[in-house]
C-alpha cells in the first residue's frame, strides 16, 4: 500500500494490484491450515484433488503426517518466526481461502490454506 499526498494509504489497482502479497497480516499473525506429506508426488496429487473440489479438512485428516491432521490441518494463529521461512513466505502470498501449490521445507511438502 502506498501513500497519497495527504499521507493516507491507498491500494494499487490494475495489473500490479496484489502482485506482492496476499491478504493483510493482522496483529503480525496469520491463520492457516496445512497438509504435510513426505513426497512431492503425493503433495501434487492432493493439490489436484483440492483443485477438483475435494474438502481440505478431510484430505488433511486422511493424508497429513502432522499432528494438526486431527484438527483438519488447522494450525491456528501464528506470528512470523514461529514457522520456517518457506512456510511463512508461502502464507503471506495467499489470500484468505486460497490454497498453495506444494511448498518444500525441511519437514516435507506442505499444501497450505490461508484462513486468516
PDB file of N, CA and C in Angstrom:
ATOM      1  N   UNK A   1       0.843  -1.158   0.000  1.00  0.00           N
ATOM      2  CA  UNK A   1       0.000   0.000   0.000  1.00  0.00           C
ATOM      3  C   UNK A   1       0.895   1.230   0.000  1.00  0.00           C
ATOM      4  N   UNK A   2       0.575   2.173  -0.875  1.00  0.00           N
ATOM      5  CA  UNK A   2       1.324   3.424  -0.952  1.00  0.00           C
ATOM      6  C   UNK A   2       0.627   4.511  -0.168  1.00  0.00           C
ATOM      7  N   UNK A   3       1.131   5.739  -0.266  1.00  0.00           N
ATOM      8  CA  UNK A   3       0.507   6.870   0.414  1.00  0.00           C
ATOM      9  C   UNK A   3       0.264   7.973  -0.598  1.00  0.00           C
ATOM     10  N   UNK A   4      -0.876   8.636  -0.435  1.00  0.00           N
ATOM     11  CA  UNK A   4      -1.163   9.761  -1.311  1.00  0.00           C
ATOM     12  C   UNK A   4      -0.597  11.037  -0.697  1.00  0.00           C
ATOM     13  N   UNK A   5      -0.860  12.181  -1.326  1.00  0.00           N
ATOM     14  CA  UNK A   5      -0.260  13.432  -0.847  1.00  0.00           C
ATOM     15  C   UNK A   5      -0.730  13.840   0.541  1.00  0.00           C
ATOM     16  N   UNK A   6      -1.819  13.240   1.032  1.00  0.00           N
ATOM     17  CA  UNK A   6      -2.327  13.550   2.367  1.00  0.00           C
ATOM     18  C   UNK A   6      -1.828  12.565   3.422  1.00  0.00           C
ATOM     19  N   UNK A   7      -0.968  11.645   3.010  1.00  0.00           N
ATOM     20  CA  UNK A   7      -0.427  10.663   3.942  1.00  0.00           C
ATOM     21  C   UNK A   7      -1.361   9.497   4.194  1.00  0.00           C
ATOM     22  N   UNK A   8      -2.449   9.430   3.432  1.00  0.00           N
ATOM     23  CA  UNK A   8      -3.410   8.343   3.588  1.00  0.00           C
ATOM     24  C   UNK A   8      -3.001   7.166   2.711  1.00  0.00           C
ATOM     25  N   UNK A   9      -3.269   5.971   3.178  1.00  0.00           N
ATOM     26  CA  UNK A   9      -2.947   4.787   2.396  1.00  0.00           C
ATOM     27  C   UNK A   9      -3.921   4.587   1.250  1.00  0.00           C
ATOM     28  N   UNK A  10      -3.443   3.975   0.196  1.00  0.00           N
ATOM     29  CA  UNK A  10      -4.299   3.613  -0.929  1.00  0.00           C
ATOM     30  C   UNK A  10      -3.863   2.264  -1.453  1.00  0.00           C
ATOM     31  N   UNK A  11      -4.785   1.573  -2.113  1.00  0.00           N
ATOM     32  CA  UNK A  11      -4.495   0.274  -2.701  1.00  0.00           C
ATOM     33  C   UNK A  11      -4.162   0.445  -4.172  1.00  0.00           C
ATOM     34  N   UNK A  12      -3.188  -0.295  -4.655  1.00  0.00           N
ATOM     35  CA  UNK A  12      -2.880  -0.293  -6.078  1.00  0.00           C
ATOM     36  C   UNK A  12      -4.023  -0.930  -6.838  1.00  0.00           C
ATOM     37  N   UNK A  13      -4.268  -0.429  -8.029  1.00  0.00           N
ATOM     38  CA  UNK A  13      -5.286  -1.018  -8.892  1.00  0.00           C
ATOM     39  C   UNK A  13      -4.624  -1.409 -10.192  1.00  0.00           C
ATOM     40  N   UNK A  14      -5.270  -2.299 -10.916  1.00  0.00           N
ATOM     41  CA  UNK A  14      -4.731  -2.717 -12.203  1.00  0.00           C
ATOM     42  C   UNK A  14      -3.923  -3.986 -12.085  1.00  0.00           C
ATOM     43  N   UNK A  15      -3.092  -4.213 -13.108  1.00  0.00           N
ATOM     44  CA  UNK A  15      -2.391  -5.497 -13.191  1.00  0.00           C
ATOM     45  C   UNK A  15      -1.379  -5.732 -12.085  1.00  0.00           C
ATOM     46  N   UNK A  16      -0.873  -4.676 -11.434  1.00  0.00           N
ATOM     47  CA  UNK A  16       0.101  -4.849 -10.361  1.00  0.00           C
ATOM     48  C   UNK A  16      -0.534  -5.004  -8.991  1.00  0.00           C
ATOM     49  N   UNK A  17      -1.845  -4.832  -8.895  1.00  0.00           N
ATOM     50  CA  UNK A  17      -2.522  -4.934  -7.601  1.00  0.00           C
ATOM     51  C   UNK A  17      -2.368  -6.339  -7.030  1.00  0.00           C
ATOM     52  N   UNK A  18      -1.929  -6.418  -5.787  1.00  0.00           N
ATOM     53  CA  UNK A  18      -1.816  -7.698  -5.099  1.00  0.00           C
ATOM     54  C   UNK A  18      -0.703  -8.598  -5.589  1.00  0.00           C
ATOM     55  N   UNK A  19       0.147  -8.113  -6.464  1.00  0.00           N
ATOM     56  CA  UNK A  19       1.188  -8.977  -7.012  1.00  0.00           C
ATOM     57  C   UNK A  19       2.285  -9.289  -6.001  1.00  0.00           C
ATOM     58  N   UNK A  20       2.401  -8.482  -4.955  1.00  0.00           N
ATOM     59  CA  UNK A  20       3.457  -8.705  -3.984  1.00  0.00           C
ATOM     60  C   UNK A  20       3.011  -9.510  -2.776  1.00  0.00           C
ATOM     61  N   UNK A  21       1.720  -9.702  -2.618  1.00  0.00           N
ATOM     62  CA  UNK A  21       1.308 -10.437  -1.446  1.00  0.00           C
ATOM     63  C   UNK A  21      -0.166 -10.736  -1.425  1.00  0.00           C
ATOM     64  N   UNK A  22      -0.542 -11.479  -0.398  1.00  0.00           N
ATOM     65  CA  UNK A  22      -1.924 -11.891  -0.260  1.00  0.00           C
ATOM     66  C   UNK A  22      -2.680 -10.984   0.683  1.00  0.00           C
ATOM     67  N   UNK A  23      -3.477 -11.599   1.532  1.00  0.00           N
ATOM     68  CA  UNK A  23      -4.319 -10.874   2.474  1.00  0.00           C
ATOM     69  C   UNK A  23      -3.458 -10.145   3.503  1.00  0.00           C
ATOM     70  N   UNK A  24      -3.991  -9.065   4.056  1.00  0.00           N
ATOM     71  CA  UNK A  24      -3.250  -8.331   5.094  1.00  0.00           C
ATOM     72  C   UNK A  24      -2.948  -9.221   6.295  1.00  0.00           C
ATOM     73  N   UNK A  25      -1.878  -8.909   6.978  1.00  0.00           N
ATOM     74  CA  UNK A  25      -1.497  -9.632   8.193  1.00  0.00           C
ATOM     75  C   UNK A  25      -1.949  -8.779   9.367  1.00  0.00           C
ATOM     76  N   UNK A  26      -2.840  -9.301  10.164  1.00  0.00           N
ATOM     77  CA  UNK A  26      -3.408  -8.554  11.286  1.00  0.00           C
ATOM     78  C   UNK A  26      -2.652  -8.885  12.574  1.00  0.00           C
ATOM     79  N   UNK A  27      -2.239  -7.859  13.281  1.00  0.00           N
ATOM     80  CA  UNK A  27      -1.520  -8.012  14.555  1.00  0.00           C
ATOM     81  C   UNK A  27      -0.267  -8.861  14.408  1.00  0.00           C
ATOM     82  N   UNK A  28       0.328  -8.878  13.212  1.00  0.00           N
ATOM     83  CA  UNK A  28       1.554  -9.623  12.978  1.00  0.00           C
ATOM     84  C   UNK A  28       1.385 -11.127  12.944  1.00  0.00           C
ATOM     85  N   UNK A  29       0.133 -11.596  12.827  1.00  0.00           N
ATOM     86  CA  UNK A  29      -0.123 -13.033  12.846  1.00  0.00           C
ATOM     87  C   UNK A  29      -0.965 -13.458  11.652  1.00  0.00           C
ATOM     88  N   UNK A  30      -0.815 -14.719  11.302  1.00  0.00           N
ATOM     89  CA  UNK A  30      -1.546 -15.340  10.196  1.00  0.00           C
ATOM     90  C   UNK A  30      -2.269 -16.562  10.743  1.00  0.00           C
ATOM     91  N   UNK A  31      -3.392 -16.906  10.121  1.00  0.00           N
ATOM     92  CA  UNK A  31      -4.081 -18.157  10.431  1.00  0.00           C
ATOM     93  C   UNK A  31      -4.007 -19.030   9.185  1.00  0.00           C
ATOM     94  N   UNK A  32      -3.693 -20.297   9.384  1.00  0.00           N
ATOM     95  CA  UNK A  32      -3.586 -21.210   8.245  1.00  0.00           C
ATOM     96  C   UNK A  32      -3.812 -22.653   8.680  1.00  0.00           C
ATOM     97  N   UNK A  33      -4.123 -23.457   7.685  1.00  0.00           N
ATOM     98  CA  UNK A  33      -4.186 -24.905   7.833  1.00  0.00           C
ATOM     99  C   UNK A  33      -3.225 -25.490   6.817  1.00  0.00           C
ATOM    100  N   UNK A  34      -2.810 -26.729   7.014  1.00  0.00           N
ATOM    101  CA  UNK A  34      -1.920 -27.341   6.032  1.00  0.00           C
ATOM    102  C   UNK A  34      -2.072 -28.851   6.013  1.00  0.00           C
ATOM    103  N   UNK A  35      -1.549 -29.400   4.933  1.00  0.00           N
ATOM    104  CA  UNK A  35      -1.436 -30.852   4.784  1.00  0.00           C
ATOM    105  C   UNK A  35       0.043 -31.102   4.545  1.00  0.00           C
ATOM    106  N   UNK A  36       0.653 -31.911   5.365  1.00  0.00           N
ATOM    107  CA  UNK A  36       2.086 -32.213   5.266  1.00  0.00           C
ATOM    108  C   UNK A  36       2.271 -33.657   4.837  1.00  0.00           C
ATOM    109  N   UNK A  37       3.049 -33.855   3.764  1.00  0.00           N
ATOM    110  CA  UNK A  37       3.379 -35.200   3.288  1.00  0.00           C
ATOM    111  C   UNK A  37       4.870 -35.260   2.971  1.00  0.00           C
ATOM    112  N   UNK A  38       5.391 -36.467   2.840  1.00  0.00           N
ATOM    113  CA  UNK A  38       6.825 -36.644   2.606  1.00  0.00           C
ATOM    114  C   UNK A  38       7.229 -36.475   1.155  1.00  0.00           C
ATOM    115  N   UNK A  39       6.376 -36.888   0.230  1.00  0.00           N
ATOM    116  CA  UNK A  39       6.772 -36.917  -1.183  1.00  0.00           C
ATOM    117  C   UNK A  39       6.056 -35.855  -2.013  1.00  0.00           C
ATOM    118  N   UNK A  40       6.795 -35.255  -2.923  1.00  0.00           N
ATOM    119  CA  UNK A  40       6.243 -34.243  -3.816  1.00  0.00           C
ATOM    120  C   UNK A  40       5.106 -34.820  -4.653  1.00  0.00           C
ATOM    121  N   UNK A  41       5.266 -36.043  -5.123  1.00  0.00           N
ATOM    122  CA  UNK A  41       4.235 -36.651  -5.966  1.00  0.00           C
ATOM    123  C   UNK A  41       2.901 -36.752  -5.221  1.00  0.00           C
ATOM    124  N   UNK A  42       2.944 -37.085  -3.928  1.00  0.00           N
ATOM    125  CA  UNK A  42       1.721 -37.171  -3.129  1.00  0.00           C
ATOM    126  C   UNK A  42       1.128 -35.778  -2.918  1.00  0.00           C
ATOM    127  N   UNK A  43       1.989 -34.804  -2.666  1.00  0.00           N
ATOM    128  CA  UNK A  43       1.526 -33.425  -2.481  1.00  0.00           C
ATOM    129  C   UNK A  43       0.842 -32.919  -3.745  1.00  0.00           C
ATOM    130  N   UNK A  44       1.408 -33.219  -4.898  1.00  0.00           N
ATOM    131  CA  UNK A  44       0.809 -32.787  -6.162  1.00  0.00           C
ATOM    132  C   UNK A  44      -0.535 -33.465  -6.392  1.00  0.00           C
ATOM    133  N   UNK A  45      -0.626 -34.726  -6.038  1.00  0.00           N
ATOM    134  CA  UNK A  45      -1.884 -35.475  -6.173  1.00  0.00           C
ATOM    135  C   UNK A  45      -2.974 -34.850  -5.287  1.00  0.00           C
ATOM    136  N   UNK A  46      -2.624 -34.528  -4.049  1.00  0.00           N
ATOM    137  CA  UNK A  46      -3.581 -33.912  -3.127  1.00  0.00           C
ATOM    138  C   UNK A  46      -3.985 -32.529  -3.633  1.00  0.00           C
ATOM    139  N   UNK A  47      -3.014 -31.763  -4.125  1.00  0.00           N
ATOM    140  CA  UNK A  47      -3.304 -30.432  -4.665  1.00  0.00           C
ATOM    141  C   UNK A  47      -4.309 -30.524  -5.818  1.00  0.00           C
ATOM    142  N   UNK A  48      -4.122 -31.490  -6.693  1.00  0.00           N
ATOM    143  CA  UNK A  48      -5.049 -31.685  -7.811  1.00  0.00           C
ATOM    144  C   UNK A  48      -6.445 -32.061  -7.307  1.00  0.00           C
ATOM    145  N   UNK A  49      -6.512 -32.886  -6.269  1.00  0.00           N
ATOM    146  CA  UNK A  49      -7.805 -33.243  -5.671  1.00  0.00           C
ATOM    147  C   UNK A  49      -8.499 -31.997  -5.112  1.00  0.00           C
ATOM    148  N   UNK A  50      -7.728 -31.128  -4.467  1.00  0.00           N
ATOM    149  CA  UNK A  50      -8.289 -29.894  -3.927  1.00  0.00           C
ATOM    150  C   UNK A  50      -8.807 -28.991  -5.047  1.00  0.00           C
ATOM    151  N   UNK A  51      -8.066 -28.917  -6.144  1.00  0.00           N
ATOM    152  CA  UNK A  51      -8.486 -28.099  -7.286  1.00  0.00           C
ATOM    153  C   UNK A  51      -9.768 -28.649  -7.919  1.00  0.00           C
ATOM    154  N   UNK A  52      -9.973 -29.947  -7.767  1.00  0.00           N
ATOM    155  CA  UNK A  52     -11.171 -30.596  -8.311  1.00  0.00           C
ATOM    156  C   UNK A  52     -12.362 -30.487  -7.355  1.00  0.00           C
ATOM    157  N   UNK A  53     -12.149 -29.859  -6.182  1.00  0.00           N
ATOM    158  CA  UNK A  53     -13.256 -29.618  -5.272  1.00  0.00           C
ATOM    159  C   UNK A  53     -13.300 -30.475  -4.021  1.00  0.00           C
ATOM    160  N   UNK A  54     -12.275 -31.297  -3.802  1.00  0.00           N
ATOM    161  CA  UNK A  54     -12.247 -32.124  -2.586  1.00  0.00           C
ATOM    162  C   UNK A  54     -12.133 -31.229  -1.348  1.00  0.00           C
ATOM    163  N   UNK A  55     -12.594 -31.726  -0.204  1.00  0.00           N
ATOM    164  CA  UNK A  55     -12.595 -30.982   1.045  1.00  0.00           C
ATOM    165  C   UNK A  55     -11.202 -30.987   1.691  1.00  0.00           C
ATOM    166  N   UNK A  56     -10.690 -29.786   2.003  1.00  0.00           N
ATOM    167  CA  UNK A  56      -9.348 -29.638   2.572  1.00  0.00           C
ATOM    168  C   UNK A  56      -9.227 -30.395   3.897  1.00  0.00           C
ATOM    169  N   UNK A  57     -10.188 -30.203   4.794  1.00  0.00           N
ATOM    170  CA  UNK A  57     -10.107 -30.838   6.114  1.00  0.00           C
ATOM    171  C   UNK A  57     -10.092 -32.355   6.019  1.00  0.00           C
ATOM    172  N   UNK A  58     -10.910 -32.896   5.150  1.00  0.00           N
ATOM    173  CA  UNK A  58     -10.957 -34.353   5.002  1.00  0.00           C
ATOM    174  C   UNK A  58      -9.648 -34.903   4.452  1.00  0.00           C
ATOM    175  N   UNK A  59      -9.070 -34.195   3.472  1.00  0.00           N
ATOM    176  CA  UNK A  59      -7.786 -34.651   2.924  1.00  0.00           C
ATOM    177  C   UNK A  59      -6.668 -34.521   3.955  1.00  0.00           C
ATOM    178  N   UNK A  60      -6.718 -33.478   4.775  1.00  0.00           N
ATOM    179  CA  UNK A  60      -5.717 -33.318   5.841  1.00  0.00           C
ATOM    180  C   UNK A  60      -5.812 -34.480   6.824  1.00  0.00           C
ATOM    181  N   UNK A  61      -7.028 -34.813   7.227  1.00  0.00           N
ATOM    182  CA  UNK A  61      -7.221 -35.915   8.176  1.00  0.00           C
ATOM    183  C   UNK A  61      -6.748 -37.239   7.602  1.00  0.00           C
ATOM    184  N   UNK A  62      -6.926 -37.404   6.300  1.00  0.00           N
ATOM    185  CA  UNK A  62      -6.579 -38.670   5.658  1.00  0.00           C
ATOM    186  C   UNK A  62      -5.080 -38.808   5.371  1.00  0.00           C
ATOM    187  N   UNK A  63      -4.430 -37.719   4.909  1.00  0.00           N
ATOM    188  CA  UNK A  63      -3.065 -37.843   4.396  1.00  0.00           C
ATOM    189  C   UNK A  63      -1.958 -37.162   5.205  1.00  0.00           C
ATOM    190  N   UNK A  64      -2.277 -36.130   5.966  1.00  0.00           N
ATOM    191  CA  UNK A  64      -1.223 -35.349   6.614  1.00  0.00           C
ATOM    192  C   UNK A  64      -0.464 -36.159   7.653  1.00  0.00           C
ATOM    193  N   UNK A  65       0.847 -35.919   7.739  1.00  0.00           N
ATOM    194  CA  UNK A  65       1.680 -36.578   8.740  1.00  0.00           C
ATOM    195  C   UNK A  65       1.890 -35.689   9.965  1.00  0.00           C
ATOM    196  N   UNK A  66       1.294 -34.498   9.966  1.00  0.00           N
ATOM    197  CA  UNK A  66       1.417 -33.555  11.078  1.00  0.00           C
ATOM    198  C   UNK A  66       0.317 -33.834  12.106  1.00  0.00           C
ATOM    199  N   UNK A  67       0.595 -33.674  13.395  1.00  0.00           N
ATOM    200  CA  UNK A  67      -0.447 -33.857  14.413  1.00  0.00           C
ATOM    201  C   UNK A  67      -1.673 -32.956  14.194  1.00  0.00           C
ATOM    202  N   UNK A  68      -1.509 -31.866  13.453  1.00  0.00           N
ATOM    203  CA  UNK A  68      -2.648 -30.974  13.177  1.00  0.00           C
ATOM    204  C   UNK A  68      -3.717 -31.661  12.333  1.00  0.00           C
ATOM    205  N   UNK A  69      -3.399 -32.826  11.781  1.00  0.00           N
ATOM    206  CA  UNK A  69      -4.372 -33.568  10.977  1.00  0.00           C
ATOM    207  C   UNK A  69      -5.645 -33.854  11.764  1.00  0.00           C
ATOM    208  N   UNK A  70      -5.512 -34.011  13.084  1.00  0.00           N
ATOM    209  CA  UNK A  70      -6.672 -34.285  13.934  1.00  0.00           C
ATOM    210  C   UNK A  70      -7.649 -33.110  13.983  1.00  0.00           C
ATOM    211  N   UNK A  71      -7.153 -31.911  13.596  1.00  0.00           N
ATOM    212  CA  UNK A  71      -7.995 -30.715  13.545  1.00  0.00           C
ATOM    213  C   UNK A  71      -8.207 -30.289  12.091  1.00  0.00           C
ATOM    214  N   UNK A  72      -8.136 -31.230  11.179  1.00  0.00           N
ATOM    215  CA  UNK A  72      -8.321 -30.917   9.768  1.00  0.00           C
ATOM    216  C   UNK A  72      -7.201 -30.083   9.194  1.00  0.00           C
ATOM    217  N   UNK A  73      -6.027 -30.155   9.818  1.00  0.00           N
ATOM    218  CA  UNK A  73      -4.863 -29.407   9.365  1.00  0.00           C
ATOM    219  C   UNK A  73      -4.745 -28.014   9.959  1.00  0.00           C
ATOM    220  N   UNK A  74      -5.689 -27.624  10.807  1.00  0.00           N
ATOM    221  CA  UNK A  74      -5.718 -26.275  11.372  1.00  0.00           C
ATOM    222  C   UNK A  74      -4.525 -26.033  12.296  1.00  0.00           C
ATOM    223  N   UNK A  75      -3.732 -25.016  11.951  1.00  0.00           N
ATOM    224  CA  UNK A  75      -2.577 -24.644  12.765  1.00  0.00           C
ATOM    225  C   UNK A  75      -2.887 -23.471  13.685  1.00  0.00           C
ATOM    226  N   UNK A  76      -4.075 -22.907  13.541  1.00  0.00           N
ATOM    227  CA  UNK A  76      -4.434 -21.750  14.360  1.00  0.00           C
ATOM    228  C   UNK A  76      -3.721 -20.501  13.882  1.00  0.00           C
ATOM    229  N   UNK A  77      -3.441 -19.610  14.825  1.00  0.00           N
ATOM    230  CA  UNK A  77      -2.812 -18.320  14.526  1.00  0.00           C
ATOM    231  C   UNK A  77      -1.353 -18.361  14.964  1.00  0.00           C
ATOM    232  N   UNK A  78      -0.473 -17.803  14.133  1.00  0.00           N
ATOM    233  CA  UNK A  78       0.947 -17.825  14.465  1.00  0.00           C
ATOM    234  C   UNK A  78       1.652 -16.585  13.917  1.00  0.00           C
ATOM    235  N   UNK A  79       2.687 -16.120  14.625  1.00  0.00           N
ATOM    236  CA  UNK A  79       3.463 -14.956  14.170  1.00  0.00           C
ATOM    237  C   UNK A  79       4.633 -15.387  13.283  1.00  0.00           C
ATOM    238  N   UNK A  80       5.209 -14.411  12.603  1.00  0.00           N
ATOM    239  CA  UNK A  80       6.416 -14.662  11.824  1.00  0.00           C
ATOM    240  C   UNK A  80       7.490 -15.179  12.783  1.00  0.00           C
ATOM    241  N   UNK A  81       8.247 -16.161  12.358  1.00  0.00           N
ATOM    242  CA  UNK A  81       9.294 -16.730  13.194  1.00  0.00           C
ATOM    243  C   UNK A  81       8.884 -18.016  13.880  1.00  0.00           C
ATOM    244  N   UNK A  82       7.593 -18.244  14.022  1.00  0.00           N
ATOM    245  CA  UNK A  82       7.133 -19.493  14.635  1.00  0.00           C
ATOM    246  C   UNK A  82       7.195 -20.641  13.632  1.00  0.00           C
ATOM    247  N   UNK A  83       7.010 -20.310  12.354  1.00  0.00           N
ATOM    248  CA  UNK A  83       7.083 -21.305  11.287  1.00  0.00           C
ATOM    249  C   UNK A  83       8.375 -21.092  10.496  1.00  0.00           C
ATOM    250  N   UNK A  84       8.812 -22.119   9.798  1.00  0.00           N
ATOM    251  CA  UNK A  84      10.019 -21.974   8.981  1.00  0.00           C
ATOM    252  C   UNK A  84       9.760 -20.948   7.870  1.00  0.00           C
ATOM    253  N   UNK A  85      10.826 -20.321   7.405  1.00  0.00           N
ATOM    254  CA  UNK A  85      10.735 -19.223   6.449  1.00  0.00           C
ATOM    255  C   UNK A  85       9.943 -19.572   5.197  1.00  0.00           C
ATOM    256  N   UNK A  86      10.186 -20.731   4.610  1.00  0.00           N
ATOM    257  CA  UNK A  86       9.490 -21.110   3.378  1.00  0.00           C
ATOM    258  C   UNK A  86       7.976 -21.188   3.603  1.00  0.00           C
ATOM    259  N   UNK A  87       7.588 -21.686   4.751  1.00  0.00           N
ATOM    260  CA  UNK A  87       6.170 -21.812   5.085  1.00  0.00           C
ATOM    261  C   UNK A  87       5.545 -20.426   5.250  1.00  0.00           C
ATOM    262  N   UNK A  88       6.194 -19.575   6.040  1.00  0.00           N
ATOM    263  CA  UNK A  88       5.693 -18.214   6.269  1.00  0.00           C
ATOM    264  C   UNK A  88       5.571 -17.451   4.950  1.00  0.00           C
ATOM    265  N   UNK A  89       6.609 -17.508   4.134  1.00  0.00           N
ATOM    266  CA  UNK A  89       6.596 -16.781   2.862  1.00  0.00           C
ATOM    267  C   UNK A  89       5.459 -17.231   1.957  1.00  0.00           C
ATOM    268  N   UNK A  90       5.169 -18.513   1.953  1.00  0.00           N
ATOM    269  CA  UNK A  90       4.056 -19.023   1.150  1.00  0.00           C
ATOM    270  C   UNK A  90       2.730 -18.513   1.709  1.00  0.00           C
ATOM    271  N   UNK A  91       2.604 -18.469   3.021  1.00  0.00           N
ATOM    272  CA  UNK A  91       1.367 -17.995   3.657  1.00  0.00           C
ATOM    273  C   UNK A  91       1.062 -16.545   3.314  1.00  0.00           C
ATOM    274  N   UNK A  92       2.071 -15.683   3.389  1.00  0.00           N
ATOM    275  CA  UNK A  92       1.816 -14.261   3.175  1.00  0.00           C
ATOM    276  C   UNK A  92       1.426 -13.945   1.733  1.00  0.00           C
ATOM    277  N   UNK A  93       1.731 -14.828   0.813  1.00  0.00           N
ATOM    278  CA  UNK A  93       1.365 -14.620  -0.592  1.00  0.00           C
ATOM    279  C   UNK A  93      -0.076 -15.016  -0.894  1.00  0.00           C
ATOM    280  N   UNK A  94      -0.697 -15.741   0.035  1.00  0.00           N
ATOM    281  CA  UNK A  94      -2.051 -16.246  -0.194  1.00  0.00           C
ATOM    282  C   UNK A  94      -3.114 -15.271   0.290  1.00  0.00           C
ATOM    283  N   UNK A  95      -4.212 -15.220  -0.436  1.00  0.00           N
ATOM    284  CA  UNK A  95      -5.399 -14.523   0.034  1.00  0.00           C
ATOM    285  C   UNK A  95      -6.171 -15.452   0.953  1.00  0.00           C
ATOM    286  N   UNK A  96      -7.105 -14.906   1.712  1.00  0.00           N
ATOM    287  CA  UNK A  96      -7.921 -15.722   2.605  1.00  0.00           C
ATOM    288  C   UNK A  96      -8.698 -16.746   1.767  1.00  0.00           C
ATOM    289  N   UNK A  97      -8.602 -18.015   2.168  1.00  0.00           N
ATOM    290  CA  UNK A  97      -9.288 -19.083   1.458  1.00  0.00           C
ATOM    291  C   UNK A  97      -8.493 -19.686   0.315  1.00  0.00           C
ATOM    292  N   UNK A  98      -7.371 -19.064  -0.053  1.00  0.00           N
ATOM    293  CA  UNK A  98      -6.548 -19.606  -1.136  1.00  0.00           C
ATOM    294  C   UNK A  98      -5.705 -20.768  -0.650  1.00  0.00           C
ATOM    295  N   UNK A  99      -5.392 -21.660  -1.587  1.00  0.00           N
ATOM    296  CA  UNK A  99      -4.583 -22.843  -1.300  1.00  0.00           C
ATOM    297  C   UNK A  99      -3.318 -22.790  -2.137  1.00  0.00           C
ATOM    298  N   UNK A 100      -2.189 -23.049  -1.488  1.00  0.00           N
ATOM    299  CA  UNK A 100      -0.897 -23.010  -2.188  1.00  0.00           C
ATOM    300  C   UNK A 100      -0.640 -24.285  -2.956  1.00  0.00           C
ATOM    301  N   UNK A 101       0.225 -24.186  -3.926  1.00  0.00           N
ATOM    302  CA  UNK A 101       0.794 -25.378  -4.532  1.00  0.00           C
ATOM    303  C   UNK A 101       1.758 -25.956  -3.497  1.00  0.00           C
ATOM    304  N   UNK A 102       2.254 -27.176  -3.681  1.00  0.00           N
ATOM    305  CA  UNK A 102       3.165 -27.756  -2.684  1.00  0.00           C
ATOM    306  C   UNK A 102       4.373 -26.866  -2.396  1.00  0.00           C
ATOM    307  N   UNK A 103       4.674 -26.735  -1.110  1.00  0.00           N
ATOM    308  CA  UNK A 103       5.788 -25.915  -0.624  1.00  0.00           C
ATOM    309  C   UNK A 103       6.755 -26.834   0.106  1.00  0.00           C
ATOM    310  N   UNK A 104       8.014 -26.844  -0.331  1.00  0.00           N
ATOM    311  CA  UNK A 104       9.019 -27.714   0.283  1.00  0.00           C
ATOM    312  C   UNK A 104       9.677 -27.021   1.473  1.00  0.00           C
ATOM    313  N   UNK A 105       9.753 -27.739   2.590  1.00  0.00           N
ATOM    314  CA  UNK A 105      10.510 -27.289   3.758  1.00  0.00           C
ATOM    315  C   UNK A 105      11.327 -28.477   4.258  1.00  0.00           C
ATOM    316  N   UNK A 106      12.052 -28.284   5.330  1.00  0.00           N
ATOM    317  CA  UNK A 106      12.849 -29.369   5.910  1.00  0.00           C
ATOM    318  C   UNK A 106      11.972 -30.507   6.441  1.00  0.00           C
ATOM    319  N   UNK A 107      10.668 -30.252   6.601  1.00  0.00           N
ATOM    320  CA  UNK A 107       9.764 -31.257   7.155  1.00  0.00           C
ATOM    321  C   UNK A 107       9.068 -32.088   6.086  1.00  0.00           C
ATOM    322  N   UNK A 108       9.097 -31.628   4.848  1.00  0.00           N
ATOM    323  CA  UNK A 108       8.422 -32.326   3.765  1.00  0.00           C
ATOM    324  C   UNK A 108       7.746 -31.321   2.843  1.00  0.00           C
ATOM    325  N   UNK A 109       6.603 -31.719   2.302  1.00  0.00           N
ATOM    326  CA  UNK A 109       5.858 -30.866   1.366  1.00  0.00           C
ATOM    327  C   UNK A 109       4.528 -30.482   1.985  1.00  0.00           C
ATOM    328  N   UNK A 110       4.269 -29.184   2.010  1.00  0.00           N
ATOM    329  CA  UNK A 110       3.048 -28.638   2.607  1.00  0.00           C
ATOM    330  C   UNK A 110       2.127 -28.127   1.512  1.00  0.00           C
ATOM    331  N   UNK A 111       0.838 -28.346   1.702  1.00  0.00           N
ATOM    332  CA  UNK A 111      -0.167 -27.636   0.944  1.00  0.00           C
ATOM    333  C   UNK A 111      -0.854 -26.773   1.986  1.00  0.00           C
ATOM    334  N   UNK A 112      -0.819 -25.481   1.767  1.00  0.00           N
ATOM    335  CA  UNK A 112      -1.250 -24.517   2.777  1.00  0.00           C
ATOM    336  C   UNK A 112      -2.550 -23.840   2.354  1.00  0.00           C
ATOM    337  N   UNK A 113      -3.452 -23.703   3.306  1.00  0.00           N
ATOM    338  CA  UNK A 113      -4.682 -22.938   3.080  1.00  0.00           C
ATOM    339  C   UNK A 113      -4.680 -21.780   4.070  1.00  0.00           C
ATOM    340  N   UNK A 114      -4.697 -20.564   3.548  1.00  0.00           N
ATOM    341  CA  UNK A 114      -4.733 -19.372   4.418  1.00  0.00           C
ATOM    342  C   UNK A 114      -6.167 -19.176   4.910  1.00  0.00           C
ATOM    343  N   UNK A 115      -6.330 -19.102   6.208  1.00  0.00           N
ATOM    344  CA  UNK A 115      -7.657 -18.976   6.803  1.00  0.00           C
ATOM    345  C   UNK A 115      -7.861 -17.645   7.520  1.00  0.00           C
ATOM    346  N   UNK A 116      -6.822 -16.866   7.664  1.00  0.00           N
ATOM    347  CA  UNK A 116      -6.974 -15.559   8.321  1.00  0.00           C
ATOM    348  C   UNK A 116      -5.698 -14.785   8.325  1.00  0.00           C
TER     349      UNK A 116
END
